[in-house]
Amino acid sequence: MLVVSYLLGAIPTSYLVGKWVRGIDLRREGSGNLGATNAFRVMGWKLALPVLVFDLFKGWFPAYYFPGLAGVGQEWALAFGAVAIIGHVFSIYVRFRGGKGVATSAGVFLAVAPVAALAGLLVWGAVVAATRIVSLASIVAAVVVPVVVWAEQGIGAVFWLALGLAAFVIYAHRANIRRLLAGTEHRFGSGSGSGR
């Protein structure tokens, strides 16, 4: 089931939609990132929305259902979810390129810590609405999730996963952070930049 989790997470949703619907390779368009933000930037919201929903699903489904299907304890939800995130970021189907894992991580936390996930999604939406900078919203939301997990559940396995994912999201957005500090980061709807 861990292998299945990886293979599910590795499905390159935006790449497939770009190829099948528009005949383009998103790795060569916009930011080159295989995430929902770049899909929106290049193909518009009507194609980006199903990409976002399926990327969320790729994290939620294995974390929510696979422990029962595999006949293991619920603590395995974190392992299945983490492997799905790794698959999304390092997809075997497209030479280990993928997205930055934000949407798939949100899906995992919708399964294991829904209050924290919803808090992160609300913060993400608020920051995007206020700044139109998706990278900043993703970083802030990633930091919010472990704080809410800590407040709700205390320090445990879910907290450490949330903290590790927050660190990974910040690292994955290091180029965006440099542009933010320089005042040159791309804003939503204003041309190419780094996608989620």
C-alpha atoms as a PDB file:
ATOM      1  CA  MET A   1       0.000   0.000   0.000  1.00  0.00           C
ATOM      2  CA  LEU A   2       2.969   2.323   0.473  1.00  0.00           C
ATOM      3  CA  VAL A   3       3.954   1.676  -3.141  1.00  0.00           C
ATOM      4  CA  VAL A   4       0.365   2.296  -4.261  1.00  0.00           C
ATOM      5  CA  SER A   5       0.343   5.538  -2.245  1.00  0.00           C
ATOM      6  CA  TYR A   6       3.468   6.697  -4.042  1.00  0.00           C
ATOM      7  CA  LEU A   7       2.146   5.740  -7.474  1.00  0.00           C
ATOM      8  CA  LEU A   8      -1.148   7.535  -6.790  1.00  0.00           C
ATOM      9  CA  GLY A   9       0.601  10.644  -5.510  1.00  0.00           C
ATOM     10  CA  ALA A  10       2.955  10.585  -8.484  1.00  0.00           C
ATOM     11  CA  ILE A  11       0.165  10.899 -11.060  1.00  0.00           C
ATOM     12  CA  PRO A  12       1.170  14.192 -12.766  1.00  0.00           C
ATOM     13  CA  THR A  13      -2.301  15.703 -12.983  1.00  0.00           C
ATOM     14  CA  SER A  14      -1.415  19.042 -14.549  1.00  0.00           C
ATOM     15  CA  TYR A  15       0.976  17.410 -17.026  1.00  0.00           C
ATOM     16  CA  LEU A  16      -1.721  14.982 -18.191  1.00  0.00           C
ATOM     17  CA  VAL A  17      -4.371  17.697 -18.504  1.00  0.00           C
ATOM     18  CA  GLY A  18      -1.941  19.876 -20.451  1.00  0.00           C
ATOM     19  CA  LYS A  19      -1.028  17.027 -22.816  1.00  0.00           C
ATOM     20  CA  TRP A  20      -4.520  15.598 -23.307  1.00  0.00           C
ATOM     21  CA  VAL A  21      -6.526  18.821 -23.504  1.00  0.00           C
ATOM     22  CA  ARG A  22      -4.114  21.450 -24.831  1.00  0.00           C
ATOM     23  CA  GLY A  23      -1.337  19.377 -26.381  1.00  0.00           C
ATOM     24  CA  ILE A  24       1.319  21.180 -24.335  1.00  0.00           C
ATOM     25  CA  ASP A  25       4.016  20.126 -21.868  1.00  0.00           C
ATOM     26  CA  LEU A  26       3.605  22.247 -18.718  1.00  0.00           C
ATOM     27  CA  ARG A  27       7.240  21.576 -17.852  1.00  0.00           C
ATOM     28  CA  ARG A  28       8.049  23.909 -20.736  1.00  0.00           C
ATOM     29  CA  GLU A  29       5.330  26.484 -20.093  1.00  0.00           C
ATOM     30  CA  GLY A  30       4.990  29.228 -17.503  1.00  0.00           C
ATOM     31  CA  SER A  31       7.083  28.419 -14.450  1.00  0.00           C
ATOM     32  CA  GLY A  32       7.695  24.844 -15.626  1.00  0.00           C
ATOM     33  CA  ASN A  33       6.173  23.591 -12.375  1.00  0.00           C
ATOM     34  CA  LEU A  34       3.629  20.741 -12.462  1.00  0.00           C
ATOM     35  CA  GLY A  35       1.210  22.278  -9.988  1.00  0.00           C
ATOM     36  CA  ALA A  36      -2.237  23.856 -10.012  1.00  0.00           C
ATOM     37  CA  THR A  37      -0.918  27.427 -10.008  1.00  0.00           C
ATOM     38  CA  ASN A  38       1.073  26.949 -13.190  1.00  0.00           C
ATOM     39  CA  ALA A  39      -1.887  25.099 -14.699  1.00  0.00           C
ATOM     40  CA  PHE A  40      -4.043  28.150 -13.951  1.00  0.00           C
ATOM     41  CA  ARG A  41      -1.458  30.532 -15.333  1.00  0.00           C
ATOM     42  CA  VAL A  42      -1.060  28.626 -18.599  1.00  0.00           C
ATOM     43  CA  MET A  43      -4.474  27.000 -19.152  1.00  0.00           C
ATOM     44  CA  GLY A  44      -6.984  29.014 -17.096  1.00  0.00           C
ATOM     45  CA  TRP A  45      -9.160  28.191 -14.098  1.00  0.00           C
ATOM     46  CA  LYS A  46     -11.495  25.743 -15.856  1.00  0.00           C
ATOM     47  CA  LEU A  47      -8.630  23.285 -16.333  1.00  0.00           C
ATOM     48  CA  ALA A  48      -6.700  24.260 -13.200  1.00  0.00           C
ATOM     49  CA  LEU A  49      -9.629  23.564 -10.858  1.00  0.00           C
ATOM     50  CA  PRO A  50      -9.833  19.809 -11.588  1.00  0.00           C
ATOM     51  CA  VAL A  51      -6.032  19.670 -11.298  1.00  0.00           C
ATOM     52  CA  LEU A  52      -6.255  21.214  -7.828  1.00  0.00           C
ATOM     53  CA  VAL A  53      -9.081  18.908  -6.735  1.00  0.00           C
ATOM     54  CA  PHE A  54      -7.302  15.753  -7.898  1.00  0.00           C
ATOM     55  CA  ASP A  55      -3.996  16.852  -6.313  1.00  0.00           C
ATOM     56  CA  LEU A  56      -5.889  17.268  -3.012  1.00  0.00           C
ATOM     57  CA  PHE A  57      -7.492  13.863  -3.528  1.00  0.00           C
ATOM     58  CA  LYS A  58      -4.091  12.214  -4.086  1.00  0.00           C
ATOM     59  CA  GLY A  59      -3.150  13.108  -0.510  1.00  0.00           C
ATOM     60  CA  TRP A  60      -6.519  12.645   1.162  1.00  0.00           C
ATOM     61  CA  PHE A  61      -7.450   9.231  -0.232  1.00  0.00           C
ATOM     62  CA  PRO A  62      -4.431   7.163   0.890  1.00  0.00           C
ATOM     63  CA  ALA A  63      -4.285   8.881   4.288  1.00  0.00           C
ATOM     64  CA  TYR A  64      -7.996   8.342   4.913  1.00  0.00           C
ATOM     65  CA  TYR A  65      -8.664   4.926   3.382  1.00  0.00           C
ATOM     66  CA  PHE A  66      -5.440   2.964   3.071  1.00  0.00           C
ATOM     67  CA  PRO A  67      -4.975   2.078   6.778  1.00  0.00           C
ATOM     68  CA  GLY A  68      -8.307   0.247   6.703  1.00  0.00           C
ATOM     69  CA  LEU A  69      -7.645  -1.347   3.323  1.00  0.00           C
ATOM     70  CA  ALA A  70      -4.210  -2.516   4.462  1.00  0.00           C
ATOM     71  CA  GLY A  71      -5.495  -3.752   7.827  1.00  0.00           C
ATOM     72  CA  VAL A  72      -3.070  -1.585   9.820  1.00  0.00           C
ATOM     73  CA  GLY A  73      -3.469   0.990  12.567  1.00  0.00           C
ATOM     74  CA  GLN A  74      -4.556   4.551  11.892  1.00  0.00           C
ATOM     75  CA  GLU A  75      -1.036   5.763  12.666  1.00  0.00           C
ATOM     76  CA  TRP A  76      -0.105   4.446   9.215  1.00  0.00           C
ATOM     77  CA  ALA A  77      -2.240   7.227   7.707  1.00  0.00           C
ATOM     78  CA  LEU A  78       0.720   9.559   8.108  1.00  0.00           C
ATOM     79  CA  ALA A  79       3.056   7.170   6.303  1.00  0.00           C
ATOM     80  CA  PHE A  80       0.661   6.660   3.393  1.00  0.00           C
ATOM     81  CA  GLY A  81       0.073  10.406   3.141  1.00  0.00           C
ATOM     82  CA  ALA A  82       3.753  11.294   3.332  1.00  0.00           C
ATOM     83  CA  VAL A  83       4.621   8.825   0.572  1.00  0.00           C
ATOM     84  CA  ALA A  84       1.855  10.276  -1.628  1.00  0.00           C
ATOM     85  CA  ILE A  85       3.358  13.752  -1.136  1.00  0.00           C
ATOM     86  CA  ILE A  86       6.796  12.439  -2.099  1.00  0.00           C
ATOM     87  CA  GLY A  87       5.225  10.933  -5.210  1.00  0.00           C
ATOM     88  CA  HIS A  88       3.675  14.261  -6.158  1.00  0.00           C
ATOM     89  CA  VAL A  89       6.953  16.150  -5.754  1.00  0.00           C
ATOM     90  CA  PHE A  90       9.169  13.448  -7.275  1.00  0.00           C
ATOM     91  CA  SER A  91       6.959  11.728  -9.852  1.00  0.00           C
ATOM     92  CA  ILE A  92       8.357   8.593 -11.448  1.00  0.00           C
ATOM     93  CA  TYR A  93       6.082   9.199 -14.445  1.00  0.00           C
ATOM     94  CA  VAL A  94       7.774  12.460 -15.481  1.00  0.00           C
ATOM     95  CA  ARG A  95      11.421  11.873 -14.596  1.00  0.00           C
ATOM     96  CA  PHE A  96      10.946  12.720 -10.907  1.00  0.00           C
ATOM     97  CA  ARG A  97       9.643  16.224 -11.538  1.00  0.00           C
ATOM     98  CA  GLY A  98       6.380  17.417 -10.046  1.00  0.00           C
ATOM     99  CA  GLY A  99       4.732  20.135  -8.034  1.00  0.00           C
ATOM    100  CA  LYS A 100       5.762  21.621  -4.713  1.00  0.00           C
ATOM    101  CA  GLY A 101       3.413  19.412  -2.704  1.00  0.00           C
ATOM    102  CA  VAL A 102       1.174  22.072  -1.179  1.00  0.00           C
ATOM    103  CA  ALA A 103      -2.173  20.802  -2.490  1.00  0.00           C
ATOM    104  CA  THR A 104      -1.348  17.134  -1.863  1.00  0.00           C
ATOM    105  CA  SER A 105      -0.159  17.983   1.659  1.00  0.00           C
ATOM    106  CA  ALA A 106      -3.434  19.817   2.259  1.00  0.00           C
ATOM    107  CA  GLY A 107      -5.250  16.652   1.215  1.00  0.00           C
ATOM    108  CA  VAL A 108      -3.290  14.567   3.717  1.00  0.00           C
ATOM    109  CA  PHE A 109      -4.109  16.956   6.547  1.00  0.00           C
ATOM    110  CA  LEU A 110      -7.778  17.030   5.570  1.00  0.00           C
ATOM    111  CA  ALA A 111      -7.664  13.324   6.449  1.00  0.00           C
ATOM    112  CA  VAL A 112      -5.554  13.384   9.634  1.00  0.00           C
ATOM    113  CA  ALA A 113      -6.079  16.919  11.011  1.00  0.00           C
ATOM    114  CA  PRO A 114      -9.054  18.516   9.233  1.00  0.00           C
ATOM    115  CA  VAL A 115      -9.268  21.561  11.522  1.00  0.00           C
ATOM    116  CA  ALA A 116      -5.626  22.438  10.878  1.00  0.00           C
ATOM    117  CA  ALA A 117      -6.035  21.788   7.142  1.00  0.00           C
ATOM    118  CA  LEU A 118      -9.074  24.058   6.916  1.00  0.00           C
ATOM    119  CA  ALA A 119      -7.259  26.742   8.896  1.00  0.00           C
ATOM    120  CA  GLY A 120      -4.343  26.510   6.480  1.00  0.00           C
ATOM    121  CA  LEU A 121      -6.665  26.695   3.455  1.00  0.00           C
ATOM    122  CA  LEU A 122      -8.458  29.747   4.884  1.00  0.00           C
ATOM    123  CA  VAL A 123      -5.155  31.487   5.558  1.00  0.00           C
ATOM    124  CA  TRP A 124      -3.914  30.566   2.086  1.00  0.00           C
ATOM    125  CA  GLY A 125      -7.029  32.041   0.507  1.00  0.00           C
ATOM    126  CA  ALA A 126      -6.838  35.193   2.619  1.00  0.00           C
ATOM    127  CA  VAL A 127      -3.176  35.827   1.747  1.00  0.00           C
ATOM    128  CA  VAL A 128      -3.809  35.228  -1.961  1.00  0.00           C
ATOM    129  CA  ALA A 129      -6.789  37.596  -1.866  1.00  0.00           C
ATOM    130  CA  ALA A 130      -4.758  40.277  -0.077  1.00  0.00           C
ATOM    131  CA  THR A 131      -1.483  39.995  -2.010  1.00  0.00           C
ATOM    132  CA  ARG A 132      -2.126  37.858  -5.137  1.00  0.00           C
ATOM    133  CA  ILE A 133       1.166  36.105  -4.307  1.00  0.00           C
ATOM    134  CA  VAL A 134       0.583  32.341  -4.241  1.00  0.00           C
ATOM    135  CA  SER A 135       4.072  31.463  -3.019  1.00  0.00           C
ATOM    136  CA  LEU A 136       3.694  33.708   0.042  1.00  0.00           C
ATOM    137  CA  ALA A 137       0.259  32.239   0.752  1.00  0.00           C
ATOM    138  CA  SER A 138       1.647  28.693   0.528  1.00  0.00           C
ATOM    139  CA  ILE A 139       4.513  29.478   2.908  1.00  0.00           C
ATOM    140  CA  VAL A 140       2.267  31.183   5.471  1.00  0.00           C
ATOM    141  CA  ALA A 141      -0.333  28.395   5.297  1.00  0.00           C
ATOM    142  CA  ALA A 142       2.368  25.745   5.744  1.00  0.00           C
ATOM    143  CA  VAL A 143       3.541  27.504   8.922  1.00  0.00           C
ATOM    144  CA  VAL A 144      -0.016  27.848  10.250  1.00  0.00           C
ATOM    145  CA  VAL A 145      -0.818  24.120   9.988  1.00  0.00           C
ATOM    146  CA  PRO A 146       1.684  22.821  12.600  1.00  0.00           C
ATOM    147  CA  VAL A 147       0.713  25.654  14.958  1.00  0.00           C
ATOM    148  CA  VAL A 148      -2.956  24.645  14.764  1.00  0.00           C
ATOM    149  CA  VAL A 149      -2.073  20.946  15.086  1.00  0.00           C
ATOM    150  CA  TRP A 150      -0.050  21.752  18.211  1.00  0.00           C
ATOM    151  CA  ALA A 151      -2.917  23.787  19.687  1.00  0.00           C
ATOM    152  CA  GLU A 152      -5.494  21.092  18.914  1.00  0.00           C
ATOM    153  CA  GLN A 153      -3.625  17.807  19.351  1.00  0.00           C
ATOM    154  CA  GLY A 154      -0.403  18.654  21.141  1.00  0.00           C
ATOM    155  CA  ILE A 155       3.005  17.415  20.113  1.00  0.00           C
ATOM    156  CA  GLY A 156       2.781  14.029  18.420  1.00  0.00           C
ATOM    157  CA  ALA A 157       3.298  12.313  15.095  1.00  0.00           C
ATOM    158  CA  VAL A 158       0.880  14.598  13.229  1.00  0.00           C
ATOM    159  CA  PHE A 159       2.632  17.681  14.603  1.00  0.00           C
ATOM    160  CA  TRP A 160       6.065  16.451  13.527  1.00  0.00           C
ATOM    161  CA  LEU A 161       4.784  15.621  10.042  1.00  0.00           C
ATOM    162  CA  ALA A 162       3.227  19.080   9.797  1.00  0.00           C
ATOM    163  CA  LEU A 163       6.448  20.700  10.984  1.00  0.00           C
ATOM    164  CA  GLY A 164       8.540  18.677   8.537  1.00  0.00           C
ATOM    165  CA  LEU A 165       6.224  19.541   5.657  1.00  0.00           C
ATOM    166  CA  ALA A 166       6.312  23.224   6.605  1.00  0.00           C
ATOM    167  CA  ALA A 167      10.107  23.113   6.451  1.00  0.00           C
ATOM    168  CA  PHE A 168       9.956  21.332   3.091  1.00  0.00           C
ATOM    169  CA  VAL A 169       7.475  23.835   1.639  1.00  0.00           C
ATOM    170  CA  ILE A 170       9.704  26.719   2.725  1.00  0.00           C
ATOM    171  CA  TYR A 171      12.733  25.005   1.177  1.00  0.00           C
ATOM    172  CA  ALA A 172      10.834  24.271  -2.056  1.00  0.00           C
ATOM    173  CA  HIS A 173       9.948  27.978  -2.286  1.00  0.00           C
ATOM    174  CA  ARG A 174      13.488  29.241  -1.672  1.00  0.00           C
ATOM    175  CA  ALA A 175      13.651  30.885  -5.108  1.00  0.00           C
ATOM    176  CA  ASN A 176      10.298  32.540  -4.443  1.00  0.00           C
ATOM    177  CA  ILE A 177      11.579  33.799  -1.087  1.00  0.00           C
ATOM    178  CA  ARG A 178      14.544  35.439  -2.800  1.00  0.00           C
ATOM    179  CA  ARG A 179      12.160  37.191  -5.201  1.00  0.00           C
ATOM    180  CA  LEU A 180       9.884  38.213  -2.325  1.00  0.00           C
ATOM    181  CA  LEU A 181      12.824  39.823  -0.538  1.00  0.00           C
ATOM    182  CA  ALA A 182      13.841  41.556  -3.755  1.00  0.00           C
ATOM    183  CA  GLY A 183      10.285  42.711  -4.430  1.00  0.00           C
ATOM    184  CA  THR A 184      10.146  40.909  -7.771  1.00  0.00           C
ATOM    185  CA  GLU A 185       7.907  37.929  -6.992  1.00  0.00           C
ATOM    186  CA  HIS A 186       5.181  37.245  -9.530  1.00  0.00           C
ATOM    187  CA  ARG A 187       1.591  37.987  -8.606  1.00  0.00           C
ATOM    188  CA  PHE A 188      -1.376  35.775  -9.427  1.00  0.00           C
ATOM    189  CA  GLY A 189      -2.633  36.562 -12.916  1.00  0.00           C
ATOM    190  CA  SER A 190       0.343  38.712 -13.884  1.00  0.00           C
ATOM    191  CA  GLY A 191       2.449  36.372 -16.031  1.00  0.00           C
ATOM    192  CA  SER A 192       4.775  33.448 -15.404  1.00  0.00           C
ATOM    193  CA  GLY A 193       6.367  32.550 -12.121  1.00  0.00           C
ATOM    194  CA  SER A 194       6.748  29.666  -9.712  1.00  0.00           C
ATOM    195  CA  GLY A 195       3.741  27.431  -9.344  1.00  0.00           C
ATOM    196  CA  ARG A 196       2.557  25.307  -6.504  1.00  0.00           C
END
